[in-house]
PDB file of all heavy atoms in Angstrom:
ATOM      1  N   ILE A   1      75.970  84.623  56.885  1.00  0.00           N
ATOM      2  CA  ILE A   1      75.114  83.611  56.248  1.00  0.00           C
ATOM      3  C   ILE A   1      73.866  83.363  57.093  1.00  0.00           C
ATOM      4  O   ILE A   1      72.746  83.290  56.586  1.00  0.00           O
ATOM      5  CB  ILE A   1      75.902  82.293  56.022  1.00  0.00           C
ATOM      6  CG1 ILE A   1      76.964  82.485  54.938  1.00  0.00           C
ATOM      7  CG2 ILE A   1      74.956  81.139  55.640  1.00  0.00           C
ATOM      8  CD1 ILE A   1      77.944  81.336  54.810  1.00  0.00           C
ATOM      9  N   GLU A   2      74.075  83.275  58.414  1.00  0.00           N
ATOM     10  CA  GLU A   2      72.951  83.015  59.321  1.00  0.00           C
ATOM     11  C   GLU A   2      71.922  84.144  59.237  1.00  0.00           C
ATOM     12  O   GLU A   2      70.714  83.901  59.193  1.00  0.00           O
ATOM     13  CB  GLU A   2      73.463  82.883  60.750  1.00  0.00           C
ATOM     14  CG  GLU A   2      72.367  82.534  61.738  1.00  0.00           C
ATOM     15  CD  GLU A   2      72.845  82.537  63.187  1.00  0.00           C
ATOM     16  OE1 GLU A   2      74.063  82.577  63.414  1.00  0.00           O
ATOM     17  OE2 GLU A   2      71.988  82.500  64.074  1.00  0.00           O
ATOM     18  N   ALA A   3      72.409  85.388  59.196  1.00  0.00           N
ATOM     19  CA  ALA A   3      71.505  86.550  59.163  1.00  0.00           C
ATOM     20  C   ALA A   3      70.636  86.531  57.895  1.00  0.00           C
ATOM     21  O   ALA A   3      69.412  86.685  57.975  1.00  0.00           O
ATOM     22  CB  ALA A   3      72.303  87.841  59.245  1.00  0.00           C
ATOM     23  N   ILE A   4      71.266  86.308  56.743  1.00  0.00           N
ATOM     24  CA  ILE A   4      70.489  86.358  55.493  1.00  0.00           C
ATOM     25  C   ILE A   4      69.555  85.159  55.382  1.00  0.00           C
ATOM     26  O   ILE A   4      68.426  85.257  54.893  1.00  0.00           O
ATOM     27  CB  ILE A   4      71.416  86.489  54.245  1.00  0.00           C
ATOM     28  CG1 ILE A   4      70.626  87.065  53.071  1.00  0.00           C
ATOM     29  CG2 ILE A   4      72.095  85.189  53.872  1.00  0.00           C
ATOM     30  CD1 ILE A   4      71.472  87.624  51.944  1.00  0.00           C
ATOM     31  N   SER A   5      69.987  83.992  55.893  1.00  0.00           N
ATOM     32  CA  SER A   5      69.132  82.794  55.857  1.00  0.00           C
ATOM     33  C   SER A   5      67.942  82.958  56.801  1.00  0.00           C
ATOM     34  O   SER A   5      66.818  82.559  56.481  1.00  0.00           O
ATOM     35  CB  SER A   5      69.918  81.553  56.261  1.00  0.00           C
ATOM     36  OG  SER A   5      71.016  81.361  55.406  1.00  0.00           O
ATOM     37  N   THR A   6      68.176  83.564  57.958  1.00  0.00           N
ATOM     38  CA  THR A   6      67.112  83.719  58.968  1.00  0.00           C
ATOM     39  C   THR A   6      66.036  84.692  58.495  1.00  0.00           C
ATOM     40  O   THR A   6      64.855  84.400  58.570  1.00  0.00           O
ATOM     41  CB  THR A   6      67.694  84.189  60.313  1.00  0.00           C
ATOM     42  OG1 THR A   6      68.743  83.297  60.693  1.00  0.00           O
ATOM     43  CG2 THR A   6      66.639  84.209  61.400  1.00  0.00           C
ATOM     44  N   VAL A   7      66.463  85.861  57.970  1.00  0.00           N
ATOM     45  CA  VAL A   7      65.448  86.866  57.595  1.00  0.00           C
ATOM     46  C   VAL A   7      64.627  86.431  56.384  1.00  0.00           C
ATOM     47  O   VAL A   7      63.482  86.834  56.237  1.00  0.00           O
ATOM     48  CB  VAL A   7      66.039  88.286  57.352  1.00  0.00           C
ATOM     49  CG1 VAL A   7      66.610  88.853  58.623  1.00  0.00           C
ATOM     50  CG2 VAL A   7      67.041  88.304  56.235  1.00  0.00           C
ATOM     51  N   HIS A   8      65.220  85.581  55.542  1.00  0.00           N
ATOM     52  CA  HIS A   8      64.455  85.090  54.380  1.00  0.00           C
ATOM     53  C   HIS A   8      63.872  83.706  54.613  1.00  0.00           C
ATOM     54  O   HIS A   8      63.182  83.169  53.737  1.00  0.00           O
ATOM     55  CB  HIS A   8      65.338  85.078  53.133  1.00  0.00           C
ATOM     56  CG  HIS A   8      65.588  86.448  52.588  1.00  0.00           C
ATOM     57  ND1 HIS A   8      64.657  87.150  51.868  1.00  0.00           N
ATOM     58  CD2 HIS A   8      66.669  87.271  52.687  1.00  0.00           C
ATOM     59  CE1 HIS A   8      65.146  88.335  51.553  1.00  0.00           C
ATOM     60  NE2 HIS A   8      66.357  88.433  52.042  1.00  0.00           N
ATOM     61  N   ALA A   9      64.168  83.134  55.776  1.00  0.00           N
ATOM     62  CA  ALA A   9      63.678  81.795  56.136  1.00  0.00           C
ATOM     63  C   ALA A   9      63.931  80.802  54.991  1.00  0.00           C
ATOM     64  O   ALA A   9      63.060  80.047  54.601  1.00  0.00           O
ATOM     65  CB  ALA A   9      62.186  81.850  56.476  1.00  0.00           C
ATOM     66  N   THR A  10      65.144  80.843  54.453  1.00  0.00           N
ATOM     67  CA  THR A  10      65.504  80.007  53.300  1.00  0.00           C
ATOM     68  C   THR A  10      66.900  79.429  53.505  1.00  0.00           C
ATOM     69  O   THR A  10      67.773  80.125  54.031  1.00  0.00           O
ATOM     70  CB  THR A  10      65.552  80.868  52.005  1.00  0.00           C
ATOM     71  OG1 THR A  10      64.360  81.624  51.913  1.00  0.00           O
ATOM     72  CG2 THR A  10      65.699  80.010  50.765  1.00  0.00           C
ATOM     73  N   ASP A  11      67.090  78.201  53.068  1.00  0.00           N
ATOM     74  CA  ASP A  11      68.442  77.653  52.997  1.00  0.00           C
ATOM     75  C   ASP A  11      68.942  77.902  51.581  1.00  0.00           C
ATOM     76  O   ASP A  11      68.499  77.260  50.629  1.00  0.00           O
ATOM     77  CB  ASP A  11      68.442  76.145  53.312  1.00  0.00           C
ATOM     78  CG  ASP A  11      68.115  75.884  54.770  1.00  0.00           C
ATOM     79  OD1 ASP A  11      68.482  76.736  55.600  1.00  0.00           O
ATOM     80  OD2 ASP A  11      67.505  74.853  55.073  1.00  0.00           O
ATOM     81  N   PHE A  12      69.845  78.847  51.450  1.00  0.00           N
ATOM     82  CA  PHE A  12      70.288  79.251  50.125  1.00  0.00           C
ATOM     83  C   PHE A  12      71.218  78.215  49.487  1.00  0.00           C
ATOM     84  O   PHE A  12      72.007  77.576  50.180  1.00  0.00           O
ATOM     85  CB  PHE A  12      71.021  80.601  50.182  1.00  0.00           C
ATOM     86  CG  PHE A  12      70.099  81.760  50.415  1.00  0.00           C
ATOM     87  CD1 PHE A  12      69.975  82.344  51.654  1.00  0.00           C
ATOM     88  CD2 PHE A  12      69.353  82.279  49.362  1.00  0.00           C
ATOM     89  CE1 PHE A  12      69.132  83.409  51.872  1.00  0.00           C
ATOM     90  CE2 PHE A  12      68.494  83.355  49.563  1.00  0.00           C
ATOM     91  CZ  PHE A  12      68.386  83.924  50.808  1.00  0.00           C
ATOM     92  N   LYS A  13      71.139  78.097  48.175  1.00  0.00           N
ATOM     93  CA  LYS A  13      72.092  77.279  47.413  1.00  0.00           C
ATOM     94  C   LYS A  13      73.299  78.163  47.081  1.00  0.00           C
ATOM     95  O   LYS A  13      73.175  79.387  47.062  1.00  0.00           O
ATOM     96  CB  LYS A  13      71.434  76.768  46.115  1.00  0.00           C
ATOM     97  CG  LYS A  13      70.250  75.848  46.339  1.00  0.00           C
ATOM     98  CD  LYS A  13      69.829  75.225  44.993  1.00  0.00           C
ATOM     99  CE  LYS A  13      68.592  74.385  45.173  1.00  0.00           C
ATOM    100  NZ  LYS A  13      67.342  75.185  45.178  1.00  0.00           N
ATOM    101  N   PRO A  14      74.446  77.535  46.768  1.00  0.00           N
ATOM    102  CA  PRO A  14      75.652  78.343  46.518  1.00  0.00           C
ATOM    103  C   PRO A  14      75.517  79.357  45.385  1.00  0.00           C
ATOM    104  O   PRO A  14      76.180  80.394  45.404  1.00  0.00           O
ATOM    105  CB  PRO A  14      76.709  77.288  46.144  1.00  0.00           C
ATOM    106  CG  PRO A  14      76.210  76.014  46.717  1.00  0.00           C
ATOM    107  CD  PRO A  14      74.729  76.084  46.738  1.00  0.00           C
ATOM    108  N   ASP A  15      74.647  79.063  44.392  1.00  0.00           N
ATOM    109  CA  ASP A  15      74.518  80.011  43.286  1.00  0.00           C
ATOM    110  C   ASP A  15      73.438  81.064  43.535  1.00  0.00           C
ATOM    111  O   ASP A  15      73.134  81.876  42.657  1.00  0.00           O
ATOM    112  CB  ASP A  15      74.256  79.277  41.966  1.00  0.00           C
ATOM    113  CG  ASP A  15      73.008  78.406  42.028  1.00  0.00           C
ATOM    114  OD1 ASP A  15      72.421  78.278  43.132  1.00  0.00           O
ATOM    115  OD2 ASP A  15      72.608  77.854  40.975  1.00  0.00           O
ATOM    116  N   GLU A  16      72.869  81.058  44.745  1.00  0.00           N
ATOM    117  CA  GLU A  16      71.808  82.030  45.061  1.00  0.00           C
ATOM    118  C   GLU A  16      72.294  83.187  45.941  1.00  0.00           C
ATOM    119  O   GLU A  16      71.548  84.102  46.235  1.00  0.00           O
ATOM    120  CB  GLU A  16      70.636  81.336  45.764  1.00  0.00           C
ATOM    121  CG  GLU A  16      69.874  80.403  44.855  1.00  0.00           C
ATOM    122  CD  GLU A  16      68.802  79.592  45.581  1.00  0.00           C
ATOM    123  OE1 GLU A  16      68.855  79.500  46.838  1.00  0.00           O
ATOM    124  OE2 GLU A  16      67.946  79.051  44.896  1.00  0.00           O
ATOM    125  N   VAL A  17      73.557  83.094  46.387  1.00  0.00           N
ATOM    126  CA  VAL A  17      74.126  84.206  47.163  1.00  0.00           C
ATOM    127  C   VAL A  17      75.513  84.562  46.617  1.00  0.00           C
ATOM    128  O   VAL A  17      76.161  83.759  45.962  1.00  0.00           O
ATOM    129  CB  VAL A  17      74.272  83.874  48.680  1.00  0.00           C
ATOM    130  CG1 VAL A  17      72.938  83.820  49.366  1.00  0.00           C
ATOM    131  CG2 VAL A  17      75.070  82.621  48.915  1.00  0.00           C
ATOM    132  N   GLU A  18      75.908  85.798  46.907  1.00  0.00           N
ATOM    133  CA  GLU A  18      77.266  86.250  46.580  1.00  0.00           C
ATOM    134  C   GLU A  18      77.920  86.693  47.876  1.00  0.00           C
ATOM    135  O   GLU A  18      77.277  87.345  48.694  1.00  0.00           O
ATOM    136  CB  GLU A  18      77.206  87.471  45.666  1.00  0.00           C
ATOM    137  CG  GLU A  18      76.611  87.260  44.309  1.00  0.00           C
ATOM    138  CD  GLU A  18      76.679  88.541  43.510  1.00  0.00           C
ATOM    139  OE1 GLU A  18      75.873  89.457  43.770  1.00  0.00           O
ATOM    140  OE2 GLU A  18      77.554  88.645  42.640  1.00  0.00           O
ATOM    141  N   ILE A  19      79.170  86.336  48.037  1.00  0.00           N
ATOM    142  CA  ILE A  19      79.909  86.751  49.249  1.00  0.00           C
ATOM    143  C   ILE A  19      81.215  87.428  48.834  1.00  0.00           C
ATOM    144  O   ILE A  19      81.992  86.892  48.055  1.00  0.00           O
ATOM    145  CB  ILE A  19      80.238  85.526  50.160  1.00  0.00           C
ATOM    146  CG1 ILE A  19      78.939  84.801  50.570  1.00  0.00           C
ATOM    147  CG2 ILE A  19      80.991  85.987  51.405  1.00  0.00           C
ATOM    148  CD1 ILE A  19      79.175  83.562  51.426  1.00  0.00           C
ATOM    149  N   GLY A  20      81.408  88.644  49.377  1.00  0.00           N
ATOM    150  CA  GLY A  20      82.661  89.372  49.182  1.00  0.00           C
ATOM    151  C   GLY A  20      83.382  89.441  50.514  1.00  0.00           C
ATOM    152  O   GLY A  20      82.735  89.581  51.557  1.00  0.00           O
ATOM    153  N   ILE A  21      84.697  89.330  50.480  1.00  0.00           N
ATOM    154  CA  ILE A  21      85.454  89.268  51.748  1.00  0.00           C
ATOM    155  C   ILE A  21      86.762  90.051  51.647  1.00  0.00           C
ATOM    156  O   ILE A  21      87.386  90.093  50.589  1.00  0.00           O
ATOM    157  CB  ILE A  21      85.729  87.792  52.137  1.00  0.00           C
ATOM    158  CG1 ILE A  21      86.429  87.675  53.492  1.00  0.00           C
ATOM    159  CG2 ILE A  21      86.533  87.066  51.055  1.00  0.00           C
ATOM    160  CD1 ILE A  21      86.528  86.276  54.043  1.00  0.00           C
ATOM    161  N   VAL A  22      87.122  90.692  52.756  1.00  0.00           N
ATOM    162  CA  VAL A  22      88.452  91.272  52.930  1.00  0.00           C
ATOM    163  C   VAL A  22      88.947  90.759  54.275  1.00  0.00           C
ATOM    164  O   VAL A  22      88.294  90.976  55.289  1.00  0.00           O
ATOM    165  CB  VAL A  22      88.405  92.816  52.974  1.00  0.00           C
ATOM    166  CG1 VAL A  22      89.809  93.373  53.095  1.00  0.00           C
ATOM    167  CG2 VAL A  22      87.735  93.386  51.761  1.00  0.00           C
ATOM    168  N   SER A  23      90.076  90.044  54.256  1.00  0.00           N
ATOM    169  CA  SER A  23      90.564  89.466  55.507  1.00  0.00           C
ATOM    170  C   SER A  23      92.081  89.458  55.542  1.00  0.00           C
ATOM    171  O   SER A  23      92.723  89.136  54.538  1.00  0.00           O
ATOM    172  CB  SER A  23      90.042  88.027  55.648  1.00  0.00           C
ATOM    173  OG  SER A  23      90.608  87.416  56.781  1.00  0.00           O
ATOM    174  N   ASP A  24      92.649  89.839  56.698  1.00  0.00           N
ATOM    175  CA  ASP A  24      94.095  89.617  56.845  1.00  0.00           C
ATOM    176  C   ASP A  24      94.350  88.620  57.976  1.00  0.00           C
ATOM    177  O   ASP A  24      95.383  88.640  58.628  1.00  0.00           O
ATOM    178  CB  ASP A  24      94.872  90.930  57.037  1.00  0.00           C
ATOM    179  CG  ASP A  24      94.367  91.770  58.180  1.00  0.00           C
ATOM    180  OD1 ASP A  24      93.503  91.276  58.936  1.00  0.00           O
ATOM    181  OD2 ASP A  24      94.843  92.915  58.346  1.00  0.00           O
ATOM    182  N   GLY A  25      93.375  87.715  58.172  1.00  0.00           N
ATOM    183  CA  GLY A  25      93.528  86.645  59.174  1.00  0.00           C
ATOM    184  C   GLY A  25      94.420  85.533  58.663  1.00  0.00           C
ATOM    185  O   GLY A  25      94.673  85.416  57.461  1.00  0.00           O
ATOM    186  N   ASP A  26      94.883  84.698  59.581  1.00  0.00           N
ATOM    187  CA  ASP A  26      95.793  83.602  59.210  1.00  0.00           C
ATOM    188  C   ASP A  26      95.092  82.553  58.332  1.00  0.00           C
ATOM    189  O   ASP A  26      95.750  81.851  57.570  1.00  0.00           O
ATOM    190  CB  ASP A  26      96.346  82.907  60.473  1.00  0.00           C
ATOM    191  CG  ASP A  26      97.187  83.882  61.295  1.00  0.00           C
ATOM    192  OD1 ASP A  26      97.728  84.828  60.687  1.00  0.00           O
ATOM    193  OD2 ASP A  26      97.284  83.702  62.525  1.00  0.00           O
ATOM    194  N   GLU A  27      93.766  82.425  58.459  1.00  0.00           N
ATOM    195  CA  GLU A  27      93.036  81.408  57.677  1.00  0.00           C
ATOM    196  C   GLU A  27      92.932  81.806  56.209  1.00  0.00           C
ATOM    197  O   GLU A  27      92.653  80.967  55.368  1.00  0.00           O
ATOM    198  CB  GLU A  27      91.629  81.177  58.238  1.00  0.00           C
ATOM    199  CG  GLU A  27      91.619  80.728  59.681  1.00  0.00           C
ATOM    200  CD  GLU A  27      90.692  81.585  60.531  1.00  0.00           C
ATOM    201  OE1 GLU A  27      89.479  81.455  60.396  1.00  0.00           O
ATOM    202  OE2 GLU A  27      91.204  82.376  61.334  1.00  0.00           O
TER     203      GLU A  27
END
């Protein structure tokens, strides 16, 4: 999130980004 916000110098709203995840962490 920090990387995409920094390079575009924008605070994105939740409907302006998409996040895909693969995790086998406890959280």
